[in-house]
């Protein structure tokens, strides 16, 4: 089984084990319930989805994978907003 498939299975199992999860977002611990993917995390926190990059456990996740990337207890997530201007 590929490492990505294995990681996904482990995270889904961990997600079932933890109803309330503690996730570290930009260095701050947050307790969340009902968040299962990176996309649902952004929705729950009212983060914009435009001009944002996400790093999950020190791995950059492509925007097209946010809906299918599970979030698990004790994950470390960095959300970076890009700002334009001159």
PDB file of N, CA and C in Angstrom:
ATOM      1  N   UNK A   1       0.853  -1.168   0.000  1.00  0.00           N
ATOM      2  CA  UNK A   1       0.000   0.000   0.000  1.00  0.00           C
ATOM      3  C   UNK A   1       0.905   1.240   0.000  1.00  0.00           C
ATOM      4  N   UNK A   2       0.509   2.251  -0.751  1.00  0.00           N
ATOM      5  CA  UNK A   2       1.333   3.453  -0.843  1.00  0.00           C
ATOM      6  C   UNK A   2       1.303   4.221   0.475  1.00  0.00           C
ATOM      7  N   UNK A   3       2.358   5.021   0.747  1.00  0.00           N
ATOM      8  CA  UNK A   3       2.387   5.806   1.995  1.00  0.00           C
ATOM      9  C   UNK A   3       1.212   6.772   2.124  1.00  0.00           C
ATOM     10  N   UNK A   4       0.790   7.379   0.992  1.00  0.00           N
ATOM     11  CA  UNK A   4      -0.334   8.318   1.069  1.00  0.00           C
ATOM     12  C   UNK A   4      -1.631   7.597   1.406  1.00  0.00           C
ATOM     13  N   UNK A   5      -1.844   6.416   0.818  1.00  0.00           N
ATOM     14  CA  UNK A   5      -3.041   5.649   1.153  1.00  0.00           C
ATOM     15  C   UNK A   5      -3.014   5.218   2.607  1.00  0.00           C
ATOM     16  N   UNK A   6      -1.868   4.757   3.064  1.00  0.00           N
ATOM     17  CA  UNK A   6      -1.723   4.332   4.455  1.00  0.00           C
ATOM     18  C   UNK A   6      -2.013   5.493   5.386  1.00  0.00           C
ATOM     19  N   UNK A   7      -1.434   6.679   5.090  1.00  0.00           N
ATOM     20  CA  UNK A   7      -1.663   7.865   5.924  1.00  0.00           C
ATOM     21  C   UNK A   7      -3.145   8.214   5.969  1.00  0.00           C
ATOM     22  N   UNK A   8      -3.825   8.132   4.814  1.00  0.00           N
ATOM     23  CA  UNK A   8      -5.254   8.444   4.764  1.00  0.00           C
ATOM     24  C   UNK A   8      -6.073   7.488   5.603  1.00  0.00           C
ATOM     25  N   UNK A   9      -5.753   6.191   5.532  1.00  0.00           N
ATOM     26  CA  UNK A   9      -6.471   5.202   6.339  1.00  0.00           C
ATOM     27  C   UNK A   9      -6.243   5.434   7.821  1.00  0.00           C
ATOM     28  N   UNK A  10      -5.009   5.683   8.199  1.00  0.00           N
ATOM     29  CA  UNK A  10      -4.691   5.929   9.607  1.00  0.00           C
ATOM     30  C   UNK A  10      -5.426   7.161  10.099  1.00  0.00           C
ATOM     31  N   UNK A  11      -5.452   8.232   9.288  1.00  0.00           N
ATOM     32  CA  UNK A  11      -6.127   9.448   9.724  1.00  0.00           C
ATOM     33  C   UNK A  11      -7.625   9.228   9.858  1.00  0.00           C
ATOM     34  N   UNK A  12      -8.243   8.467   8.944  1.00  0.00           N
ATOM     35  CA  UNK A  12      -9.676   8.213   9.069  1.00  0.00           C
ATOM     36  C   UNK A  12      -9.969   7.416  10.336  1.00  0.00           C
ATOM     37  N   UNK A  13      -9.120   6.462  10.653  1.00  0.00           N
ATOM     38  CA  UNK A  13      -9.291   5.698  11.887  1.00  0.00           C
ATOM     39  C   UNK A  13      -9.124   6.615  13.093  1.00  0.00           C
ATOM     40  N   UNK A  14      -8.079   7.474  13.072  1.00  0.00           N
ATOM     41  CA  UNK A  14      -7.856   8.407  14.168  1.00  0.00           C
ATOM     42  C   UNK A  14      -9.025   9.373  14.290  1.00  0.00           C
ATOM     43  N   UNK A  15      -9.603   9.783  13.172  1.00  0.00           N
ATOM     44  CA  UNK A  15     -10.716  10.725  13.193  1.00  0.00           C
ATOM     45  C   UNK A  15     -11.916  10.120  13.918  1.00  0.00           C
ATOM     46  N   UNK A  16     -12.149   8.838  13.717  1.00  0.00           N
ATOM     47  CA  UNK A  16     -13.256   8.176  14.406  1.00  0.00           C
ATOM     48  C   UNK A  16     -12.994   8.062  15.905  1.00  0.00           C
ATOM     49  N   UNK A  17     -11.731   7.941  16.281  1.00  0.00           N
ATOM     50  CA  UNK A  17     -11.378   7.810  17.686  1.00  0.00           C
ATOM     51  C   UNK A  17     -11.529   9.116  18.447  1.00  0.00           C
ATOM     52  N   UNK A  18     -11.349  10.235  17.770  1.00  0.00           N
ATOM     53  CA  UNK A  18     -11.370  11.536  18.428  1.00  0.00           C
ATOM     54  C   UNK A  18     -12.539  12.355  17.915  1.00  0.00           C
ATOM     55  N   UNK A  19     -13.536  12.502  18.733  1.00  0.00           N
ATOM     56  CA  UNK A  19     -14.655  13.342  18.327  1.00  0.00           C
ATOM     57  C   UNK A  19     -14.263  14.800  18.457  1.00  0.00           C
ATOM     58  N   UNK A  20     -13.777  15.197  19.622  1.00  0.00           N
ATOM     59  CA  UNK A  20     -13.221  16.531  19.802  1.00  0.00           C
ATOM     60  C   UNK A  20     -11.730  16.416  19.538  1.00  0.00           C
ATOM     61  N   UNK A  21     -11.240  17.216  18.609  1.00  0.00           N
ATOM     62  CA  UNK A  21      -9.822  17.148  18.265  1.00  0.00           C
ATOM     63  C   UNK A  21      -9.124  18.428  18.694  1.00  0.00           C
ATOM     64  N   UNK A  22      -7.877  18.287  19.060  1.00  0.00           N
ATOM     65  CA  UNK A  22      -7.019  19.446  19.251  1.00  0.00           C
ATOM     66  C   UNK A  22      -6.114  19.510  18.040  1.00  0.00           C
ATOM     67  N   UNK A  23      -6.181  20.643  17.348  1.00  0.00           N
ATOM     68  CA  UNK A  23      -5.378  20.865  16.149  1.00  0.00           C
ATOM     69  C   UNK A  23      -4.586  22.136  16.380  1.00  0.00           C
ATOM     70  N   UNK A  24      -3.341  22.129  15.991  1.00  0.00           N
ATOM     71  CA  UNK A  24      -2.485  23.303  16.143  1.00  0.00           C
ATOM     72  C   UNK A  24      -2.508  24.083  14.836  1.00  0.00           C
ATOM     73  N   UNK A  25      -3.096  25.279  14.887  1.00  0.00           N
ATOM     74  CA  UNK A  25      -3.247  26.106  13.692  1.00  0.00           C
ATOM     75  C   UNK A  25      -2.426  27.368  13.881  1.00  0.00           C
ATOM     76  N   UNK A  26      -1.437  27.536  13.009  1.00  0.00           N
ATOM     77  CA  UNK A  26      -0.518  28.676  13.087  1.00  0.00           C
ATOM     78  C   UNK A  26       0.048  28.828  14.501  1.00  0.00           C
ATOM     79  N   UNK A  27       0.407  27.696  15.099  1.00  0.00           N
ATOM     80  CA  UNK A  27       1.041  27.698  16.409  1.00  0.00           C
ATOM     81  C   UNK A  27       0.093  27.766  17.593  1.00  0.00           C
ATOM     82  N   UNK A  28      -1.199  27.857  17.343  1.00  0.00           N
ATOM     83  CA  UNK A  28      -2.186  27.975  18.420  1.00  0.00           C
ATOM     84  C   UNK A  28      -3.037  26.711  18.512  1.00  0.00           C
ATOM     85  N   UNK A  29      -3.142  26.141  19.698  1.00  0.00           N
ATOM     86  CA  UNK A  29      -3.961  24.950  19.891  1.00  0.00           C
ATOM     87  C   UNK A  29      -5.430  25.327  19.846  1.00  0.00           C
ATOM     88  N   UNK A  30      -6.203  24.576  19.073  1.00  0.00           N
ATOM     89  CA  UNK A  30      -7.650  24.816  18.981  1.00  0.00           C
ATOM     90  C   UNK A  30      -8.370  23.494  19.125  1.00  0.00           C
ATOM     91  N   UNK A  31      -9.438  23.491  19.921  1.00  0.00           N
ATOM     92  CA  UNK A  31     -10.289  22.300  20.039  1.00  0.00           C
ATOM     93  C   UNK A  31     -11.421  22.456  19.034  1.00  0.00           C
ATOM     94  N   UNK A  32     -11.578  21.435  18.199  1.00  0.00           N
ATOM     95  CA  UNK A  32     -12.591  21.484  17.150  1.00  0.00           C
ATOM     96  C   UNK A  32     -13.402  20.204  17.146  1.00  0.00           C
ATOM     97  N   UNK A  33     -14.655  20.320  16.736  1.00  0.00           N
ATOM     98  CA  UNK A  33     -15.537  19.173  16.590  1.00  0.00           C
ATOM     99  C   UNK A  33     -16.216  19.296  15.229  1.00  0.00           C
ATOM    100  N   UNK A  34     -16.348  18.211  14.533  1.00  0.00           N
ATOM    101  CA  UNK A  34     -17.055  18.224  13.260  1.00  0.00           C
ATOM    102  C   UNK A  34     -16.204  18.613  12.070  1.00  0.00           C
ATOM    103  N   UNK A  35     -14.913  18.708  12.249  1.00  0.00           N
ATOM    104  CA  UNK A  35     -14.013  19.028  11.149  1.00  0.00           C
ATOM    105  C   UNK A  35     -13.375  17.734  10.688  1.00  0.00           C
ATOM    106  N   UNK A  36     -13.473  17.448   9.393  1.00  0.00           N
ATOM    107  CA  UNK A  36     -12.911  16.189   8.907  1.00  0.00           C
ATOM    108  C   UNK A  36     -11.845  16.382   7.831  1.00  0.00           C
ATOM    109  N   UNK A  37     -11.915  17.474   7.084  1.00  0.00           N
ATOM    110  CA  UNK A  37     -10.948  17.718   6.009  1.00  0.00           C
ATOM    111  C   UNK A  37     -10.383  19.130   6.130  1.00  0.00           C
ATOM    112  N   UNK A  38      -9.345  19.396   5.360  1.00  0.00           N
ATOM    113  CA  UNK A  38      -8.788  20.753   5.353  1.00  0.00           C
ATOM    114  C   UNK A  38      -9.822  21.762   4.866  1.00  0.00           C
ATOM    115  N   UNK A  39     -10.603  21.396   3.864  1.00  0.00           N
ATOM    116  CA  UNK A  39     -11.634  22.312   3.351  1.00  0.00           C
ATOM    117  C   UNK A  39     -12.660  22.631   4.435  1.00  0.00           C
ATOM    118  N   UNK A  40     -13.100  21.626   5.191  1.00  0.00           N
ATOM    119  CA  UNK A  40     -14.086  21.879   6.244  1.00  0.00           C
ATOM    120  C   UNK A  40     -13.466  22.681   7.393  1.00  0.00           C
ATOM    121  N   UNK A  41     -12.168  22.519   7.604  1.00  0.00           N
ATOM    122  CA  UNK A  41     -11.474  23.315   8.618  1.00  0.00           C
ATOM    123  C   UNK A  41     -11.489  24.799   8.236  1.00  0.00           C
ATOM    124  N   UNK A  42     -11.169  25.095   6.979  1.00  0.00           N
ATOM    125  CA  UNK A  42     -11.199  26.489   6.526  1.00  0.00           C
ATOM    126  C   UNK A  42     -12.586  27.083   6.666  1.00  0.00           C
ATOM    127  N   UNK A  43     -13.621  26.294   6.329  1.00  0.00           N
ATOM    128  CA  UNK A  43     -15.005  26.763   6.473  1.00  0.00           C
ATOM    129  C   UNK A  43     -15.336  27.035   7.938  1.00  0.00           C
ATOM    130  N   UNK A  44     -14.955  26.118   8.823  1.00  0.00           N
ATOM    131  CA  UNK A  44     -15.269  26.253  10.248  1.00  0.00           C
ATOM    132  C   UNK A  44     -14.603  27.480  10.863  1.00  0.00           C
ATOM    133  N   UNK A  45     -13.425  27.828  10.362  1.00  0.00           N
ATOM    134  CA  UNK A  45     -12.687  28.968  10.912  1.00  0.00           C
ATOM    135  C   UNK A  45     -12.902  30.250  10.117  1.00  0.00           C
ATOM    136  N   UNK A  46     -13.769  30.195   9.119  1.00  0.00           N
ATOM    137  CA  UNK A  46     -14.049  31.355   8.250  1.00  0.00           C
ATOM    138  C   UNK A  46     -12.790  31.894   7.586  1.00  0.00           C
ATOM    139  N   UNK A  47     -11.873  31.006   7.220  1.00  0.00           N
ATOM    140  CA  UNK A  47     -10.685  31.415   6.474  1.00  0.00           C
ATOM    141  C   UNK A  47     -11.060  31.489   4.998  1.00  0.00           C
ATOM    142  N   UNK A  48     -10.563  32.492   4.287  1.00  0.00           N
ATOM    143  CA  UNK A  48     -10.835  32.564   2.847  1.00  0.00           C
ATOM    144  C   UNK A  48     -10.081  31.449   2.120  1.00  0.00           C
ATOM    145  N   UNK A  49     -10.642  30.967   1.027  1.00  0.00           N
ATOM    146  CA  UNK A  49      -9.987  29.906   0.271  1.00  0.00           C
ATOM    147  C   UNK A  49      -9.171  30.456  -0.902  1.00  0.00           C
ATOM    148  N   UNK A  50      -9.309  31.737  -1.167  1.00  0.00           N
ATOM    149  CA  UNK A  50      -8.529  32.354  -2.220  1.00  0.00           C
ATOM    150  C   UNK A  50      -7.208  32.850  -1.639  1.00  0.00           C
ATOM    151  N   UNK A  51      -6.158  32.730  -2.394  1.00  0.00           N
ATOM    152  CA  UNK A  51      -4.820  33.222  -2.024  1.00  0.00           C
ATOM    153  C   UNK A  51      -4.370  32.704  -0.658  1.00  0.00           C
ATOM    154  N   UNK A  52      -4.593  31.402  -0.443  1.00  0.00           N
ATOM    155  CA  UNK A  52      -4.190  30.757   0.806  1.00  0.00           C
ATOM    156  C   UNK A  52      -3.375  29.513   0.467  1.00  0.00           C
ATOM    157  N   UNK A  53      -2.345  29.277   1.244  1.00  0.00           N
ATOM    158  CA  UNK A  53      -1.576  28.033   1.139  1.00  0.00           C
ATOM    159  C   UNK A  53      -1.669  27.317   2.482  1.00  0.00           C
ATOM    160  N   UNK A  54      -1.725  25.990   2.445  1.00  0.00           N
ATOM    161  CA  UNK A  54      -1.845  25.199   3.674  1.00  0.00           C
ATOM    162  C   UNK A  54      -0.708  24.188   3.751  1.00  0.00           C
ATOM    163  N   UNK A  55      -0.118  24.146   4.928  1.00  0.00           N
ATOM    164  CA  UNK A  55       0.902  23.139   5.235  1.00  0.00           C
ATOM    165  C   UNK A  55       0.335  22.261   6.350  1.00  0.00           C
ATOM    166  N   UNK A  56       0.321  20.963   6.123  1.00  0.00           N
ATOM    167  CA  UNK A  56      -0.175  20.000   7.093  1.00  0.00           C
ATOM    168  C   UNK A  56       0.988  19.127   7.528  1.00  0.00           C
ATOM    169  N   UNK A  57       1.346  19.236   8.796  1.00  0.00           N
ATOM    170  CA  UNK A  57       2.460  18.454   9.345  1.00  0.00           C
ATOM    171  C   UNK A  57       3.715  18.578   8.480  1.00  0.00           C
ATOM    172  N   UNK A  58       4.036  19.821   8.148  1.00  0.00           N
ATOM    173  CA  UNK A  58       5.252  20.192   7.399  1.00  0.00           C
ATOM    174  C   UNK A  58       5.251  19.728   5.949  1.00  0.00           C
ATOM    175  N   UNK A  59       4.055  19.465   5.407  1.00  0.00           N
ATOM    176  CA  UNK A  59       3.930  19.089   4.005  1.00  0.00           C
ATOM    177  C   UNK A  59       2.879  20.000   3.366  1.00  0.00           C
ATOM    178  N   UNK A  60       3.272  20.706   2.295  1.00  0.00           N
ATOM    179  CA  UNK A  60       2.340  21.597   1.608  1.00  0.00           C
ATOM    180  C   UNK A  60       1.303  20.740   0.888  1.00  0.00           C
ATOM    181  N   UNK A  61       0.033  21.111   1.070  1.00  0.00           N
ATOM    182  CA  UNK A  61      -1.075  20.374   0.457  1.00  0.00           C
ATOM    183  C   UNK A  61      -1.647  21.220  -0.677  1.00  0.00           C
ATOM    184  N   UNK A  62      -1.753  20.625  -1.845  1.00  0.00           N
ATOM    185  CA  UNK A  62      -2.298  21.344  -3.001  1.00  0.00           C
ATOM    186  C   UNK A  62      -3.773  21.660  -2.771  1.00  0.00           C
ATOM    187  N   UNK A  63      -4.191  22.812  -3.271  1.00  0.00           N
ATOM    188  CA  UNK A  63      -5.574  23.263  -3.101  1.00  0.00           C
ATOM    189  C   UNK A  63      -6.571  22.218  -3.606  1.00  0.00           C
ATOM    190  N   UNK A  64      -6.246  21.575  -4.693  1.00  0.00           N
ATOM    191  CA  UNK A  64      -7.155  20.580  -5.258  1.00  0.00           C
ATOM    192  C   UNK A  64      -7.322  19.356  -4.351  1.00  0.00           C
ATOM    193  N   UNK A  65      -6.450  19.204  -3.346  1.00  0.00           N
ATOM    194  CA  UNK A  65      -6.529  18.067  -2.428  1.00  0.00           C
ATOM    195  C   UNK A  65      -7.159  18.402  -1.078  1.00  0.00           C
ATOM    196  N   UNK A  66      -7.541  19.648  -0.859  1.00  0.00           N
ATOM    197  CA  UNK A  66      -8.088  20.051   0.442  1.00  0.00           C
ATOM    198  C   UNK A  66      -9.351  19.271   0.805  1.00  0.00           C
ATOM    199  N   UNK A  67     -10.225  19.018  -0.176  1.00  0.00           N
ATOM    200  CA  UNK A  67     -11.478  18.302   0.110  1.00  0.00           C
ATOM    201  C   UNK A  67     -11.247  16.848   0.502  1.00  0.00           C
ATOM    202  N   UNK A  68     -10.148  16.276   0.069  1.00  0.00           N
ATOM    203  CA  UNK A  68      -9.908  14.855   0.333  1.00  0.00           C
ATOM    204  C   UNK A  68      -8.803  14.605   1.363  1.00  0.00           C
ATOM    205  N   UNK A  69      -8.250  15.676   1.932  1.00  0.00           N
ATOM    206  CA  UNK A  69      -7.192  15.524   2.930  1.00  0.00           C
ATOM    207  C   UNK A  69      -7.794  15.597   4.329  1.00  0.00           C
ATOM    208  N   UNK A  70      -7.714  14.477   5.045  1.00  0.00           N
ATOM    209  CA  UNK A  70      -8.287  14.387   6.386  1.00  0.00           C
ATOM    210  C   UNK A  70      -7.447  15.149   7.406  1.00  0.00           C
ATOM    211  N   UNK A  71      -8.132  15.655   8.413  1.00  0.00           N
ATOM    212  CA  UNK A  71      -7.498  16.312   9.547  1.00  0.00           C
ATOM    213  C   UNK A  71      -7.660  15.387  10.743  1.00  0.00           C
ATOM    214  N   UNK A  72      -6.593  15.222  11.528  1.00  0.00           N
ATOM    215  CA  UNK A  72      -6.635  14.311  12.669  1.00  0.00           C
ATOM    216  C   UNK A  72      -6.161  15.020  13.935  1.00  0.00           C
ATOM    217  N   UNK A  73      -6.468  14.424  15.061  1.00  0.00           N
ATOM    218  CA  UNK A  73      -6.080  14.970  16.350  1.00  0.00           C
ATOM    219  C   UNK A  73      -4.567  15.208  16.386  1.00  0.00           C
ATOM    220  N   UNK A  74      -4.176  16.353  16.929  1.00  0.00           N
ATOM    221  CA  UNK A  74      -2.781  16.765  17.087  1.00  0.00           C
ATOM    222  C   UNK A  74      -2.065  17.105  15.790  1.00  0.00           C
ATOM    223  N   UNK A  75      -2.792  17.262  14.691  1.00  0.00           N
ATOM    224  CA  UNK A  75      -2.160  17.731  13.458  1.00  0.00           C
ATOM    225  C   UNK A  75      -1.678  19.164  13.649  1.00  0.00           C
ATOM    226  N   UNK A  76      -0.617  19.501  12.947  1.00  0.00           N
ATOM    227  CA  UNK A  76      -0.087  20.865  12.946  1.00  0.00           C
ATOM    228  C   UNK A  76      -0.345  21.453  11.561  1.00  0.00           C
ATOM    229  N   UNK A  77      -1.065  22.554  11.533  1.00  0.00           N
ATOM    230  CA  UNK A  77      -1.472  23.174  10.274  1.00  0.00           C
ATOM    231  C   UNK A  77      -1.024  24.625  10.265  1.00  0.00           C
ATOM    232  N   UNK A  78      -0.395  25.011   9.172  1.00  0.00           N
ATOM    233  CA  UNK A  78      -0.028  26.409   8.964  1.00  0.00           C
ATOM    234  C   UNK A  78      -0.850  26.907   7.786  1.00  0.00           C
ATOM    235  N   UNK A  79      -1.531  28.019   7.986  1.00  0.00           N
ATOM    236  CA  UNK A  79      -2.311  28.651   6.920  1.00  0.00           C
ATOM    237  C   UNK A  79      -1.666  30.001   6.627  1.00  0.00           C
ATOM    238  N   UNK A  80      -1.283  30.191   5.371  1.00  0.00           N
ATOM    239  CA  UNK A  80      -0.610  31.414   4.967  1.00  0.00           C
ATOM    240  C   UNK A  80      -1.497  32.148   3.973  1.00  0.00           C
ATOM    241  N   UNK A  81      -1.765  33.424   4.261  1.00  0.00           N
ATOM    242  CA  UNK A  81      -2.557  34.279   3.371  1.00  0.00           C
ATOM    243  C   UNK A  81      -1.601  35.087   2.504  1.00  0.00           C
ATOM    244  N   UNK A  82      -1.871  35.114   1.215  1.00  0.00           N
ATOM    245  CA  UNK A  82      -1.093  35.941   0.311  1.00  0.00           C
ATOM    246  C   UNK A  82      -1.797  37.273   0.133  1.00  0.00           C
ATOM    247  N   UNK A  83      -1.057  38.358   0.262  1.00  0.00           N
ATOM    248  CA  UNK A  83      -1.613  39.698   0.154  1.00  0.00           C
ATOM    249  C   UNK A  83      -0.948  40.406  -1.009  1.00  0.00           C
ATOM    250  N   UNK A  84      -1.773  40.959  -1.885  1.00  0.00           N
ATOM    251  CA  UNK A  84      -1.234  41.734  -3.020  1.00  0.00           C
ATOM    252  C   UNK A  84      -1.137  43.197  -2.660  1.00  0.00           C
ATOM    253  N   UNK A  85      -0.447  43.902  -3.462  1.00  0.00           N
ATOM    254  CA  UNK A  85      -0.341  45.333  -3.216  1.00  0.00           C
ATOM    255  C   UNK A  85       0.953  45.876  -3.782  1.00  0.00           C
ATOM    256  N   UNK A  86       1.149  47.136  -3.560  1.00  0.00           N
ATOM    257  CA  UNK A  86       2.351  47.722  -4.125  1.00  0.00           C
ATOM    258  C   UNK A  86       3.031  48.650  -3.174  1.00  0.00           C
TER     259      UNK A  86
END
